[in-house]
Amino acid sequence: MRGYTLNELLIVLAIFVIVIVAIFSFLLTAQRVSREGGDMAEINQSGRMIFKKITRELRQAREIVTELPAAVDSEIPINATDSIEFEDGQEEELYYYIRYFKEENEVKREVKRYYFPSNPGEFLPWDAISSEEELFATTIEGPIVIGGYVSDLKFWGEPVVNVLLSLKKGEKEADYQTKVFGRNL
């Protein structure tokens, strides 16, 4: 009867352990790469959705309400704002105002209208003045979430509006920047 020696069994066992460790390492690496790729895909999708919505509506804006700091060279001004409000240029009826803003790690959108309390059915421009009463705003839509994973949102420059969007999920980060030329401004 022929059997295996202890040395032979130890060598086979060592080779088996090395193969198992190699397979396990390969699977862990593949899983990590897949997760990172998924994170980057989610960041890119969220960034595209946010940019598409903001730029499309900004291009159609009748008037920008938010006072934006001037653009100097390609520098982002220290006082760049994280929200923007403008009059919607796509509505037939006047005085619909869209506001985009960052709240926590999301970009949100809301639609507002302004009025005097004595006549809440008559909507007015955002800068309407009365010697008797204060102008009020009512939110008629939203705020609704446009996209997530947002670490920073900045607006500056006029009439060309610069937009900077920074997103982060896990260890993955992405920055997007564009200039929006308003058609009606």
Protein backbone atom coordinates (compact mmCIF):
# COMPACT_ATOMS: atom_id res chain seq x y z
CA MET A 1 0.00 0.00 0.00
CA ARG A 2 1.35 3.31 -1.00
CA GLY A 3 0.30 6.51 0.83
CA TYR A 4 1.28 10.12 0.82
CA THR A 5 3.98 11.50 3.00
CA LEU A 6 3.40 14.42 5.32
CA ASN A 7 5.59 16.64 3.14
CA GLU A 8 3.53 15.84 0.04
CA LEU A 9 0.29 16.62 1.87
CA LEU A 10 1.68 19.93 3.17
CA ILE A 11 2.81 20.96 -0.32
CA VAL A 12 -0.60 20.15 -1.82
CA LEU A 13 -2.33 22.00 1.02
CA ALA A 14 -0.07 25.05 0.54
CA ILE A 15 -0.77 25.12 -3.20
CA PHE A 16 -4.50 24.77 -2.51
CA VAL A 17 -4.42 27.69 -0.02
CA ILE A 18 -2.44 29.87 -2.47
CA VAL A 19 -4.98 29.17 -5.25
CA ILE A 20 -7.94 29.91 -2.94
CA VAL A 21 -6.34 33.16 -1.70
CA ALA A 22 -5.63 34.22 -5.31
CA ILE A 23 -9.21 33.53 -6.37
CA PHE A 24 -10.61 35.33 -3.30
CA SER A 25 -8.32 38.35 -3.91
CA PHE A 26 -9.40 38.47 -7.56
CA LEU A 27 -13.09 38.38 -6.57
CA LEU A 28 -12.65 41.13 -3.94
CA THR A 29 -10.80 43.34 -6.43
CA ALA A 30 -13.46 42.76 -9.08
CA GLN A 31 -16.20 43.61 -6.58
CA ARG A 32 -14.40 46.83 -5.47
CA VAL A 33 -13.82 47.93 -9.07
CA SER A 34 -17.46 47.22 -9.90
CA ARG A 35 -18.67 49.23 -6.88
CA GLU A 36 -16.38 52.16 -7.74
CA GLY A 37 -17.55 52.06 -11.34
CA GLY A 38 -21.16 52.07 -10.15
CA ASP A 39 -20.47 55.03 -7.86
CA MET A 40 -18.89 56.97 -10.73
CA ALA A 41 -21.80 56.12 -13.02
CA GLU A 42 -24.27 57.38 -10.39
CA ILE A 43 -22.27 60.59 -9.93
CA ASN A 44 -22.16 61.19 -13.69
CA GLN A 45 -25.87 60.50 -14.10
CA SER A 46 -26.79 62.85 -11.25
CA GLY A 47 -24.46 65.55 -12.62
CA ARG A 48 -25.94 65.27 -16.12
CA MET A 49 -29.50 65.50 -14.82
CA ILE A 50 -28.77 68.54 -12.65
CA PHE A 51 -26.84 70.36 -15.38
CA LYS A 52 -29.42 69.57 -18.06
CA LYS A 53 -32.30 70.93 -15.99
CA ILE A 54 -30.52 74.07 -14.73
CA THR A 55 -28.94 75.05 -18.06
CA ARG A 56 -32.11 74.49 -20.09
CA GLU A 57 -34.19 76.71 -17.82
CA LEU A 58 -31.48 79.35 -17.37
CA ARG A 59 -31.18 79.70 -21.16
CA GLN A 60 -34.89 80.56 -21.30
CA ALA A 61 -34.89 82.91 -18.26
CA ARG A 62 -36.47 86.35 -18.71
CA GLU A 63 -34.65 87.89 -15.76
CA ILE A 64 -32.22 86.73 -13.11
CA VAL A 65 -33.40 87.79 -9.65
CA THR A 66 -30.37 86.65 -7.64
CA GLU A 67 -27.55 89.16 -7.50
CA LEU A 68 -24.59 87.20 -8.78
CA PRO A 69 -20.97 88.22 -8.21
CA ALA A 70 -19.01 89.24 -11.31
CA ALA A 71 -16.86 86.74 -13.15
CA VAL A 72 -13.17 87.60 -12.99
CA ASP A 73 -10.98 85.63 -15.40
CA SER A 74 -11.57 81.95 -14.74
CA GLU A 75 -11.50 82.32 -10.96
CA ILE A 76 -14.50 81.32 -8.85
CA PRO A 77 -15.40 84.35 -6.72
CA ILE A 78 -15.32 83.88 -2.97
CA ASN A 79 -18.87 85.26 -2.74
CA ALA A 80 -20.31 82.93 -5.41
CA THR A 81 -23.79 81.88 -4.32
CA ASP A 82 -25.17 78.35 -3.87
CA SER A 83 -28.65 79.28 -5.12
CA ILE A 84 -30.14 81.12 -8.06
CA GLU A 85 -33.60 82.51 -8.74
CA PHE A 86 -34.86 83.70 -12.12
CA GLU A 87 -38.10 84.38 -13.98
CA ASP A 88 -39.23 81.41 -16.02
CA GLY A 89 -39.13 82.20 -19.73
CA GLN A 90 -41.06 79.11 -20.82
CA GLU A 91 -44.35 79.96 -19.10
CA GLU A 92 -46.88 81.92 -21.15
CA GLU A 93 -48.12 83.65 -18.03
CA LEU A 94 -45.72 86.14 -16.42
CA TYR A 95 -44.13 86.14 -12.97
CA TYR A 96 -43.23 82.51 -12.41
CA TYR A 97 -39.89 82.35 -10.60
CA ILE A 98 -37.68 79.27 -10.47
CA ARG A 99 -35.17 78.80 -7.69
CA TYR A 100 -32.40 76.21 -7.65
CA PHE A 101 -30.53 75.67 -4.41
CA LYS A 102 -28.32 73.21 -2.57
CA GLU A 103 -29.69 71.67 0.60
CA GLU A 104 -27.57 69.09 2.41
CA ASN A 105 -26.22 66.91 -0.44
CA GLU A 106 -29.03 67.55 -2.96
CA VAL A 107 -29.93 70.17 -5.54
CA LYS A 108 -33.56 71.20 -5.26
CA ARG A 109 -35.92 73.19 -7.48
CA GLU A 110 -38.96 75.22 -6.50
CA VAL A 111 -41.32 77.55 -8.33
CA LYS A 112 -42.54 80.71 -6.60
CA ARG A 113 -44.87 83.61 -7.29
CA TYR A 114 -44.99 86.99 -5.56
CA TYR A 115 -48.09 88.92 -4.42
CA PHE A 116 -49.37 91.54 -1.98
CA PRO A 117 -51.53 90.16 0.86
CA SER A 118 -54.42 92.47 -0.05
CA ASN A 119 -54.72 90.77 -3.45
CA PRO A 120 -53.29 87.21 -3.31
CA GLY A 121 -54.73 86.32 -6.71
CA GLU A 122 -52.71 88.95 -8.56
CA PHE A 123 -49.13 87.86 -9.07
CA LEU A 124 -46.46 90.50 -9.46
CA PRO A 125 -42.78 90.87 -10.34
CA TRP A 126 -40.33 90.03 -7.57
CA ASP A 127 -39.34 93.69 -7.16
CA ALA A 128 -42.86 95.17 -6.95
CA ILE A 129 -43.16 97.97 -4.36
CA SER A 130 -46.07 99.22 -2.31
CA SER A 131 -46.02 101.94 0.31
CA GLU A 132 -48.69 100.07 2.28
CA GLU A 133 -47.70 96.40 2.34
CA GLU A 134 -44.82 94.02 1.99
CA LEU A 135 -44.42 91.66 -0.96
CA PHE A 136 -44.94 87.97 -0.13
CA ALA A 137 -43.89 84.84 -1.99
CA THR A 138 -45.77 81.59 -2.25
CA THR A 139 -44.22 78.31 -3.35
CA ILE A 140 -46.47 76.74 -5.95
CA GLU A 141 -44.25 73.79 -6.83
CA GLY A 142 -41.61 71.97 -4.83
CA PRO A 143 -39.10 71.98 -3.54
CA ILE A 144 -38.31 68.81 -5.46
CA VAL A 145 -34.99 67.00 -5.60
CA ILE A 146 -33.23 67.30 -8.97
CA GLY A 147 -30.12 65.28 -8.08
CA GLY A 148 -27.99 64.01 -5.25
CA TYR A 149 -24.41 63.43 -4.13
CA VAL A 150 -23.79 67.20 -4.31
CA SER A 151 -20.89 68.53 -2.25
CA ASP A 152 -20.87 72.04 -3.78
CA LEU A 153 -22.97 74.22 -6.08
CA LYS A 154 -21.91 77.73 -7.12
CA PHE A 155 -23.35 80.41 -9.42
CA TRP A 156 -21.62 83.62 -10.52
CA GLY A 157 -21.35 86.07 -13.44
CA GLU A 158 -23.92 88.00 -15.43
CA PRO A 159 -25.20 88.03 -18.18
CA VAL A 160 -23.24 84.81 -18.77
CA VAL A 161 -23.94 82.63 -15.74
CA ASN A 162 -21.17 80.29 -14.59
CA VAL A 163 -22.23 77.11 -12.83
CA LEU A 164 -19.94 74.85 -10.81
CA LEU A 165 -21.20 71.51 -9.55
CA SER A 166 -19.13 69.17 -7.36
CA LEU A 167 -20.36 65.69 -6.58
CA LYS A 168 -19.03 62.99 -4.28
CA LYS A 169 -20.06 59.43 -3.50
CA GLY A 170 -17.81 57.26 -1.41
CA GLU A 171 -14.25 57.89 -2.53
CA LYS A 172 -15.26 59.07 -6.01
CA GLU A 173 -15.51 62.80 -6.80
CA ALA A 174 -16.33 64.76 -9.95
CA ASP A 175 -16.45 68.47 -10.76
CA TYR A 176 -18.51 69.93 -13.58
CA GLN A 177 -18.47 73.52 -14.76
CA THR A 178 -20.27 75.35 -17.56
CA LYS A 179 -21.28 78.80 -18.78
CA VAL A 180 -24.92 79.47 -19.62
CA PHE A 181 -25.82 82.14 -22.17
CA GLY A 182 -29.40 83.30 -21.63
CA ARG A 183 -31.43 83.80 -24.83
CA ASN A 184 -33.84 86.29 -23.28
CA LEU A 185 -31.49 88.24 -21.02
